[in-house]
């Protein structure tokens, strides 16, 4: 396969890329620090593509390849929804839809010490942050933000968890607000947590509202912004 090469990141942003494309040449980007997200890898001064998709960039310095798929590839600083599958002395084993189970150190909580180790039953749903994602190793998770605070991380109680593609997850977390979430938020009250690993959790005052929100999100992936708004209005008639 012929490799495309460019020292200018802008030439590839928002364009379709395939495995083997060299999208950045670090030797021509002196005094710049960049962060690599999913789908990219570094080989000396070359940043190349590992999976087909669209190259994205967010300020100040992060690049990643966006694609819609069921399988999740962990990446540092991703926020994910994980399910506790086992408990060990020092770690919790977590399913994050990746190629291998992730581990959550029992001290990876705000103010975590040996005296106040949290107890979670198998099946507990947690909102987590990926802190290590090295090739050939189990990913490591944390229930704190970069400053060590709990922030929004931790167990998600009640509500309903459902699975989506990784592409839809990114759309739900995008800025400005995804049309389907904006349309729902104008009419009803609900809580939502979205993981970049293709999982979403919704909670509301009534089961009917939860079902409507979940259905609206799952139906929105292939719809335009205008179609999403029409679809939400139709679904909301069921709970009026």
C-alpha atoms as a PDB file:
ATOM      1  CA  UNK A   1       0.000   0.000   0.000  1.00  0.00           C
ATOM      2  CA  UNK A   2       1.348   3.387  -0.928  1.00  0.00           C
ATOM      3  CA  UNK A   3       1.772   5.588   2.104  1.00  0.00           C
ATOM      4  CA  UNK A   4       0.667   9.189   2.080  1.00  0.00           C
ATOM      5  CA  UNK A   5       3.039  11.445   3.922  1.00  0.00           C
ATOM      6  CA  UNK A   6       2.684  15.003   5.130  1.00  0.00           C
ATOM      7  CA  UNK A   7       4.379  17.251   7.622  1.00  0.00           C
ATOM      8  CA  UNK A   8       1.260  19.378   7.839  1.00  0.00           C
ATOM      9  CA  UNK A   9      -1.417  17.961  10.188  1.00  0.00           C
ATOM     10  CA  UNK A  10      -4.083  20.217   8.681  1.00  0.00           C
ATOM     11  CA  UNK A  11      -3.891  18.387   5.352  1.00  0.00           C
ATOM     12  CA  UNK A  12      -5.382  15.248   6.917  1.00  0.00           C
ATOM     13  CA  UNK A  13      -7.786  16.625   9.548  1.00  0.00           C
ATOM     14  CA  UNK A  14     -11.401  15.626   8.861  1.00  0.00           C
ATOM     15  CA  UNK A  15     -10.228  13.477   5.937  1.00  0.00           C
ATOM     16  CA  UNK A  16     -10.570   9.716   5.494  1.00  0.00           C
ATOM     17  CA  UNK A  17      -7.408   7.802   6.408  1.00  0.00           C
ATOM     18  CA  UNK A  18      -6.487   4.110   6.197  1.00  0.00           C
ATOM     19  CA  UNK A  19      -3.902   1.928   7.944  1.00  0.00           C
ATOM     20  CA  UNK A  20      -0.392   2.795   6.800  1.00  0.00           C
ATOM     21  CA  UNK A  21      -1.032   6.486   6.137  1.00  0.00           C
ATOM     22  CA  UNK A  22       1.635   8.684   7.725  1.00  0.00           C
ATOM     23  CA  UNK A  23      -0.280  11.747   8.876  1.00  0.00           C
ATOM     24  CA  UNK A  24       2.349  13.590  10.909  1.00  0.00           C
ATOM     25  CA  UNK A  25       6.101  14.059  10.633  1.00  0.00           C
ATOM     26  CA  UNK A  26       7.393  15.095  14.044  1.00  0.00           C
ATOM     27  CA  UNK A  27      10.774  16.128  12.658  1.00  0.00           C
ATOM     28  CA  UNK A  28       9.058  19.093  10.993  1.00  0.00           C
ATOM     29  CA  UNK A  29       7.038  19.969  14.132  1.00  0.00           C
ATOM     30  CA  UNK A  30       9.738  21.230  16.449  1.00  0.00           C
ATOM     31  CA  UNK A  31       8.833  22.574  19.895  1.00  0.00           C
ATOM     32  CA  UNK A  32       5.335  21.061  19.706  1.00  0.00           C
ATOM     33  CA  UNK A  33       3.869  18.489  22.063  1.00  0.00           C
ATOM     34  CA  UNK A  34       0.987  16.392  20.774  1.00  0.00           C
ATOM     35  CA  UNK A  35      -1.333  13.765  22.263  1.00  0.00           C
ATOM     36  CA  UNK A  36      -2.295  10.674  20.305  1.00  0.00           C
ATOM     37  CA  UNK A  37      -5.732   9.141  20.641  1.00  0.00           C
ATOM     38  CA  UNK A  38      -7.114   5.881  19.294  1.00  0.00           C
ATOM     39  CA  UNK A  39      -6.102   4.670  15.851  1.00  0.00           C
ATOM     40  CA  UNK A  40      -2.649   6.316  15.761  1.00  0.00           C
ATOM     41  CA  UNK A  41       0.823   5.147  16.695  1.00  0.00           C
ATOM     42  CA  UNK A  42       4.320   6.627  16.745  1.00  0.00           C
ATOM     43  CA  UNK A  43       7.284   5.055  14.985  1.00  0.00           C
ATOM     44  CA  UNK A  44      10.316   7.300  15.496  1.00  0.00           C
ATOM     45  CA  UNK A  45       9.268  10.673  14.001  1.00  0.00           C
ATOM     46  CA  UNK A  46       6.345   9.286  11.995  1.00  0.00           C
ATOM     47  CA  UNK A  47       2.758   9.185  13.273  1.00  0.00           C
ATOM     48  CA  UNK A  48       0.871   6.566  11.283  1.00  0.00           C
ATOM     49  CA  UNK A  49      -2.705   5.298  11.113  1.00  0.00           C
ATOM     50  CA  UNK A  50      -3.692   1.913  12.564  1.00  0.00           C
ATOM     51  CA  UNK A  51      -7.369   1.757  11.573  1.00  0.00           C
ATOM     52  CA  UNK A  52      -9.581   3.212   8.848  1.00  0.00           C
ATOM     53  CA  UNK A  53     -11.657   6.243   9.730  1.00  0.00           C
ATOM     54  CA  UNK A  54     -11.558  10.036   9.850  1.00  0.00           C
ATOM     55  CA  UNK A  55      -8.645  11.899  11.370  1.00  0.00           C
ATOM     56  CA  UNK A  56      -9.871  14.310  14.047  1.00  0.00           C
ATOM     57  CA  UNK A  57      -8.168  17.084  15.995  1.00  0.00           C
ATOM     58  CA  UNK A  58      -9.180  18.942  19.125  1.00  0.00           C
ATOM     59  CA  UNK A  59      -7.393  21.882  20.666  1.00  0.00           C
ATOM     60  CA  UNK A  60      -4.848  22.283  21.992  1.00  0.00           C
ATOM     61  CA  UNK A  61      -3.002  19.233  20.688  1.00  0.00           C
ATOM     62  CA  UNK A  62      -4.897  15.934  20.468  1.00  0.00           C
ATOM     63  CA  UNK A  63      -5.258  13.800  17.323  1.00  0.00           C
ATOM     64  CA  UNK A  64      -7.227  10.576  16.879  1.00  0.00           C
ATOM     65  CA  UNK A  65      -8.932   8.448  14.233  1.00  0.00           C
ATOM     66  CA  UNK A  66     -12.710   8.407  14.542  1.00  0.00           C
ATOM     67  CA  UNK A  67     -14.591   5.365  13.301  1.00  0.00           C
ATOM     68  CA  UNK A  68     -17.799   3.550  14.125  1.00  0.00           C
ATOM     69  CA  UNK A  69     -17.240   0.037  15.423  1.00  0.00           C
ATOM     70  CA  UNK A  70     -18.394  -2.363  18.104  1.00  0.00           C
ATOM     71  CA  UNK A  71     -14.941  -3.298  19.389  1.00  0.00           C
ATOM     72  CA  UNK A  72     -13.297  -0.763  21.670  1.00  0.00           C
ATOM     73  CA  UNK A  73      -9.546  -0.141  21.718  1.00  0.00           C
ATOM     74  CA  UNK A  74      -8.537   1.517  25.037  1.00  0.00           C
ATOM     75  CA  UNK A  75      -6.728   4.845  24.918  1.00  0.00           C
ATOM     76  CA  UNK A  76      -5.300   6.959  27.746  1.00  0.00           C
ATOM     77  CA  UNK A  77      -7.700   9.622  29.112  1.00  0.00           C
ATOM     78  CA  UNK A  78     -10.766   7.937  27.602  1.00  0.00           C
ATOM     79  CA  UNK A  79     -13.811   7.937  29.859  1.00  0.00           C
ATOM     80  CA  UNK A  80     -15.528   4.545  29.870  1.00  0.00           C
ATOM     81  CA  UNK A  81     -18.375   2.628  31.463  1.00  0.00           C
ATOM     82  CA  UNK A  82     -17.061  -0.558  33.043  1.00  0.00           C
ATOM     83  CA  UNK A  83     -18.702  -3.558  34.688  1.00  0.00           C
ATOM     84  CA  UNK A  84     -17.095  -5.251  37.707  1.00  0.00           C
ATOM     85  CA  UNK A  85     -16.468  -8.928  36.893  1.00  0.00           C
ATOM     86  CA  UNK A  86     -14.179  -9.960  39.760  1.00  0.00           C
ATOM     87  CA  UNK A  87     -12.510  -8.642  42.904  1.00  0.00           C
ATOM     88  CA  UNK A  88      -8.912  -9.324  43.941  1.00  0.00           C
ATOM     89  CA  UNK A  89      -6.894  -8.197  46.946  1.00  0.00           C
ATOM     90  CA  UNK A  90      -5.360  -5.196  45.176  1.00  0.00           C
ATOM     91  CA  UNK A  91      -7.503  -4.740  42.072  1.00  0.00           C
ATOM     92  CA  UNK A  92     -10.982  -4.963  40.656  1.00  0.00           C
ATOM     93  CA  UNK A  93     -11.239  -6.633  37.244  1.00  0.00           C
ATOM     94  CA  UNK A  94     -13.407  -4.572  34.902  1.00  0.00           C
ATOM     95  CA  UNK A  95     -15.048  -5.343  31.562  1.00  0.00           C
ATOM     96  CA  UNK A  96     -14.739  -2.283  29.297  1.00  0.00           C
ATOM     97  CA  UNK A  97     -15.540  -4.027  25.973  1.00  0.00           C
ATOM     98  CA  UNK A  98     -11.842  -4.085  25.098  1.00  0.00           C
ATOM     99  CA  UNK A  99      -9.687  -6.991  23.919  1.00  0.00           C
ATOM    100  CA  UNK A 100      -8.760  -7.757  27.538  1.00  0.00           C
ATOM    101  CA  UNK A 101     -10.140  -7.073  31.007  1.00  0.00           C
ATOM    102  CA  UNK A 102      -8.949  -3.850  32.634  1.00  0.00           C
ATOM    103  CA  UNK A 103      -7.905  -3.533  36.255  1.00  0.00           C
ATOM    104  CA  UNK A 104      -8.897  -0.867  38.739  1.00  0.00           C
ATOM    105  CA  UNK A 105      -6.522  -0.550  41.731  1.00  0.00           C
ATOM    106  CA  UNK A 106      -8.445  -0.469  45.005  1.00  0.00           C
ATOM    107  CA  UNK A 107      -6.563   2.735  45.892  1.00  0.00           C
ATOM    108  CA  UNK A 108      -7.514   4.524  42.648  1.00  0.00           C
ATOM    109  CA  UNK A 109     -10.286   6.492  44.365  1.00  0.00           C
ATOM    110  CA  UNK A 110     -10.284   9.959  45.915  1.00  0.00           C
ATOM    111  CA  UNK A 111      -8.632   9.665  49.326  1.00  0.00           C
ATOM    112  CA  UNK A 112      -8.166   5.931  48.799  1.00  0.00           C
ATOM    113  CA  UNK A 113      -6.317   4.123  51.612  1.00  0.00           C
ATOM    114  CA  UNK A 114      -6.082   0.548  52.846  1.00  0.00           C
ATOM    115  CA  UNK A 115      -8.555   1.400  55.596  1.00  0.00           C
ATOM    116  CA  UNK A 116     -11.369   2.533  53.318  1.00  0.00           C
ATOM    117  CA  UNK A 117     -11.170   0.216  50.328  1.00  0.00           C
ATOM    118  CA  UNK A 118     -14.479   0.424  48.420  1.00  0.00           C
ATOM    119  CA  UNK A 119     -16.530  -2.728  48.039  1.00  0.00           C
ATOM    120  CA  UNK A 120     -18.371  -3.356  44.781  1.00  0.00           C
ATOM    121  CA  UNK A 121     -20.416  -6.402  43.904  1.00  0.00           C
ATOM    122  CA  UNK A 122     -19.930  -8.243  40.620  1.00  0.00           C
ATOM    123  CA  UNK A 123     -22.083  -6.534  38.010  1.00  0.00           C
ATOM    124  CA  UNK A 124     -21.691  -3.004  39.430  1.00  0.00           C
ATOM    125  CA  UNK A 125     -21.523  -0.335  36.720  1.00  0.00           C
ATOM    126  CA  UNK A 126     -18.733   2.251  37.131  1.00  0.00           C
ATOM    127  CA  UNK A 127     -17.848   5.463  35.293  1.00  0.00           C
ATOM    128  CA  UNK A 128     -14.055   5.387  34.886  1.00  0.00           C
ATOM    129  CA  UNK A 129     -11.006   6.973  33.285  1.00  0.00           C
ATOM    130  CA  UNK A 130      -8.303   5.059  31.400  1.00  0.00           C
ATOM    131  CA  UNK A 131      -4.871   5.936  32.808  1.00  0.00           C
ATOM    132  CA  UNK A 132      -2.681   3.305  31.102  1.00  0.00           C
ATOM    133  CA  UNK A 133      -3.247   1.518  27.785  1.00  0.00           C
ATOM    134  CA  UNK A 134      -0.022  -0.127  26.666  1.00  0.00           C
ATOM    135  CA  UNK A 135       0.030  -2.714  23.880  1.00  0.00           C
ATOM    136  CA  UNK A 136       0.042  -6.277  25.221  1.00  0.00           C
ATOM    137  CA  UNK A 137      -0.930  -5.241  28.760  1.00  0.00           C
ATOM    138  CA  UNK A 138      -4.249  -4.997  30.560  1.00  0.00           C
ATOM    139  CA  UNK A 139      -5.490  -1.385  30.661  1.00  0.00           C
ATOM    140  CA  UNK A 140      -5.417   0.411  34.015  1.00  0.00           C
ATOM    141  CA  UNK A 141      -8.367   2.491  35.206  1.00  0.00           C
ATOM    142  CA  UNK A 142      -9.031   5.139  37.832  1.00  0.00           C
ATOM    143  CA  UNK A 143     -12.082   6.561  39.588  1.00  0.00           C
ATOM    144  CA  UNK A 144     -10.529  10.038  39.802  1.00  0.00           C
ATOM    145  CA  UNK A 145      -9.686  12.848  37.413  1.00  0.00           C
ATOM    146  CA  UNK A 146      -6.117  13.943  36.669  1.00  0.00           C
ATOM    147  CA  UNK A 147      -6.006  15.982  39.912  1.00  0.00           C
ATOM    148  CA  UNK A 148      -7.031  13.020  42.074  1.00  0.00           C
ATOM    149  CA  UNK A 149     -10.598  14.207  42.671  1.00  0.00           C
ATOM    150  CA  UNK A 150     -13.609  11.937  42.296  1.00  0.00           C
ATOM    151  CA  UNK A 151     -15.342  14.461  39.992  1.00  0.00           C
ATOM    152  CA  UNK A 152     -18.105  12.593  38.151  1.00  0.00           C
ATOM    153  CA  UNK A 153     -16.403   9.189  38.356  1.00  0.00           C
ATOM    154  CA  UNK A 154     -17.718   6.288  40.430  1.00  0.00           C
ATOM    155  CA  UNK A 155     -20.667   3.866  40.583  1.00  0.00           C
ATOM    156  CA  UNK A 156     -23.782   4.518  38.498  1.00  0.00           C
ATOM    157  CA  UNK A 157     -26.805   3.392  40.487  1.00  0.00           C
ATOM    158  CA  UNK A 158     -30.245   2.485  39.161  1.00  0.00           C
ATOM    159  CA  UNK A 159     -30.988   3.610  35.600  1.00  0.00           C
ATOM    160  CA  UNK A 160     -30.407   1.595  32.434  1.00  0.00           C
ATOM    161  CA  UNK A 161     -27.176   0.809  30.589  1.00  0.00           C
ATOM    162  CA  UNK A 162     -27.167   0.007  26.869  1.00  0.00           C
ATOM    163  CA  UNK A 163     -24.520  -0.469  24.199  1.00  0.00           C
ATOM    164  CA  UNK A 164     -23.834   1.671  21.129  1.00  0.00           C
ATOM    165  CA  UNK A 165     -21.094   1.899  18.533  1.00  0.00           C
ATOM    166  CA  UNK A 166     -17.952   3.812  19.456  1.00  0.00           C
ATOM    167  CA  UNK A 167     -18.779   6.351  16.748  1.00  0.00           C
ATOM    168  CA  UNK A 168     -22.155   7.162  18.302  1.00  0.00           C
ATOM    169  CA  UNK A 169     -20.521   7.496  21.724  1.00  0.00           C
ATOM    170  CA  UNK A 170     -18.193  10.190  20.399  1.00  0.00           C
ATOM    171  CA  UNK A 171     -21.093  12.017  18.774  1.00  0.00           C
ATOM    172  CA  UNK A 172     -22.977  12.032  22.093  1.00  0.00           C
ATOM    173  CA  UNK A 173     -19.928  13.562  23.802  1.00  0.00           C
ATOM    174  CA  UNK A 174     -19.221  16.095  21.063  1.00  0.00           C
ATOM    175  CA  UNK A 175     -19.479  19.861  21.292  1.00  0.00           C
ATOM    176  CA  UNK A 176     -21.816  21.529  20.443  1.00  0.00           C
ATOM    177  CA  UNK A 177     -24.396  19.229  22.015  1.00  0.00           C
ATOM    178  CA  UNK A 178     -25.590  16.341  19.872  1.00  0.00           C
ATOM    179  CA  UNK A 179     -29.023  17.230  18.339  1.00  0.00           C
ATOM    180  CA  UNK A 180     -30.797  14.227  19.862  1.00  0.00           C
ATOM    181  CA  UNK A 181     -29.642  15.126  23.390  1.00  0.00           C
ATOM    182  CA  UNK A 182     -30.439  18.802  22.909  1.00  0.00           C
ATOM    183  CA  UNK A 183     -33.972  17.990  21.698  1.00  0.00           C
ATOM    184  CA  UNK A 184     -34.587  15.590  24.610  1.00  0.00           C
ATOM    185  CA  UNK A 185     -33.180  18.028  27.173  1.00  0.00           C
ATOM    186  CA  UNK A 186     -35.636  20.748  26.128  1.00  0.00           C
ATOM    187  CA  UNK A 187     -38.625  18.517  26.919  1.00  0.00           C
ATOM    188  CA  UNK A 188     -37.709  16.111  29.730  1.00  0.00           C
ATOM    189  CA  UNK A 189     -35.288  15.733  32.649  1.00  0.00           C
ATOM    190  CA  UNK A 190     -32.826  12.860  32.745  1.00  0.00           C
ATOM    191  CA  UNK A 191     -29.254  11.924  33.677  1.00  0.00           C
ATOM    192  CA  UNK A 192     -26.835  10.424  31.185  1.00  0.00           C
ATOM    193  CA  UNK A 193     -23.277   9.088  31.243  1.00  0.00           C
ATOM    194  CA  UNK A 194     -21.531   8.072  28.029  1.00  0.00           C
ATOM    195  CA  UNK A 195     -18.371   6.020  27.711  1.00  0.00           C
ATOM    196  CA  UNK A 196     -16.107   6.139  24.676  1.00  0.00           C
ATOM    197  CA  UNK A 197     -16.139   2.342  24.797  1.00  0.00           C
ATOM    198  CA  UNK A 198     -19.633   2.233  23.294  1.00  0.00           C
ATOM    199  CA  UNK A 199     -21.790   2.192  26.412  1.00  0.00           C
ATOM    200  CA  UNK A 200     -24.323   4.689  27.689  1.00  0.00           C
ATOM    201  CA  UNK A 201     -26.288   4.918  30.946  1.00  0.00           C
ATOM    202  CA  UNK A 202     -29.554   6.787  31.409  1.00  0.00           C
ATOM    203  CA  UNK A 203     -31.572   7.491  34.548  1.00  0.00           C
ATOM    204  CA  UNK A 204     -34.817   9.434  35.013  1.00  0.00           C
ATOM    205  CA  UNK A 205     -37.792   9.754  37.350  1.00  0.00           C
ATOM    206  CA  UNK A 206     -39.887   7.178  35.464  1.00  0.00           C
ATOM    207  CA  UNK A 207     -39.150   3.993  33.511  1.00  0.00           C
ATOM    208  CA  UNK A 208     -41.088   5.403  30.532  1.00  0.00           C
ATOM    209  CA  UNK A 209     -38.734   8.382  30.292  1.00  0.00           C
ATOM    210  CA  UNK A 210     -35.675   6.129  30.495  1.00  0.00           C
ATOM    211  CA  UNK A 211     -37.004   3.959  27.657  1.00  0.00           C
ATOM    212  CA  UNK A 212     -37.763   6.971  25.455  1.00  0.00           C
ATOM    213  CA  UNK A 213     -34.295   8.484  25.958  1.00  0.00           C
ATOM    214  CA  UNK A 214     -32.525   5.176  25.311  1.00  0.00           C
ATOM    215  CA  UNK A 215     -34.575   4.495  22.173  1.00  0.00           C
ATOM    216  CA  UNK A 216     -33.999   8.019  20.855  1.00  0.00           C
ATOM    217  CA  UNK A 217     -30.239   7.686  21.279  1.00  0.00           C
ATOM    218  CA  UNK A 218     -30.044   4.234  19.683  1.00  0.00           C
ATOM    219  CA  UNK A 219     -32.179   5.370  16.733  1.00  0.00           C
ATOM    220  CA  UNK A 220     -30.179   8.557  16.125  1.00  0.00           C
ATOM    221  CA  UNK A 221     -26.914   7.213  14.725  1.00  0.00           C
ATOM    222  CA  UNK A 222     -27.896   7.147  11.051  1.00  0.00           C
ATOM    223  CA  UNK A 223     -30.162  10.225  11.148  1.00  0.00           C
ATOM    224  CA  UNK A 224     -29.437  13.834  10.209  1.00  0.00           C
ATOM    225  CA  UNK A 225     -29.863  16.597  12.788  1.00  0.00           C
ATOM    226  CA  UNK A 226     -33.330  17.493  11.463  1.00  0.00           C
ATOM    227  CA  UNK A 227     -34.385  13.838  11.421  1.00  0.00           C
ATOM    228  CA  UNK A 228     -33.224  13.388  15.010  1.00  0.00           C
ATOM    229  CA  UNK A 229     -35.434  16.256  16.186  1.00  0.00           C
ATOM    230  CA  UNK A 230     -38.479  14.857  14.355  1.00  0.00           C
ATOM    231  CA  UNK A 231     -37.815  11.398  15.790  1.00  0.00           C
ATOM    232  CA  UNK A 232     -37.593  12.778  19.355  1.00  0.00           C
ATOM    233  CA  UNK A 233     -40.899  14.648  18.961  1.00  0.00           C
ATOM    234  CA  UNK A 234     -42.556  11.435  17.784  1.00  0.00           C
ATOM    235  CA  UNK A 235     -41.193   9.383  20.705  1.00  0.00           C
ATOM    236  CA  UNK A 236     -42.165  12.004  23.295  1.00  0.00           C
ATOM    237  CA  UNK A 237     -45.813  11.665  22.277  1.00  0.00           C
ATOM    238  CA  UNK A 238     -45.745   8.237  23.931  1.00  0.00           C
ATOM    239  CA  UNK A 239     -45.210   9.694  27.407  1.00  0.00           C
ATOM    240  CA  UNK A 240     -47.373  12.790  27.201  1.00  0.00           C
END
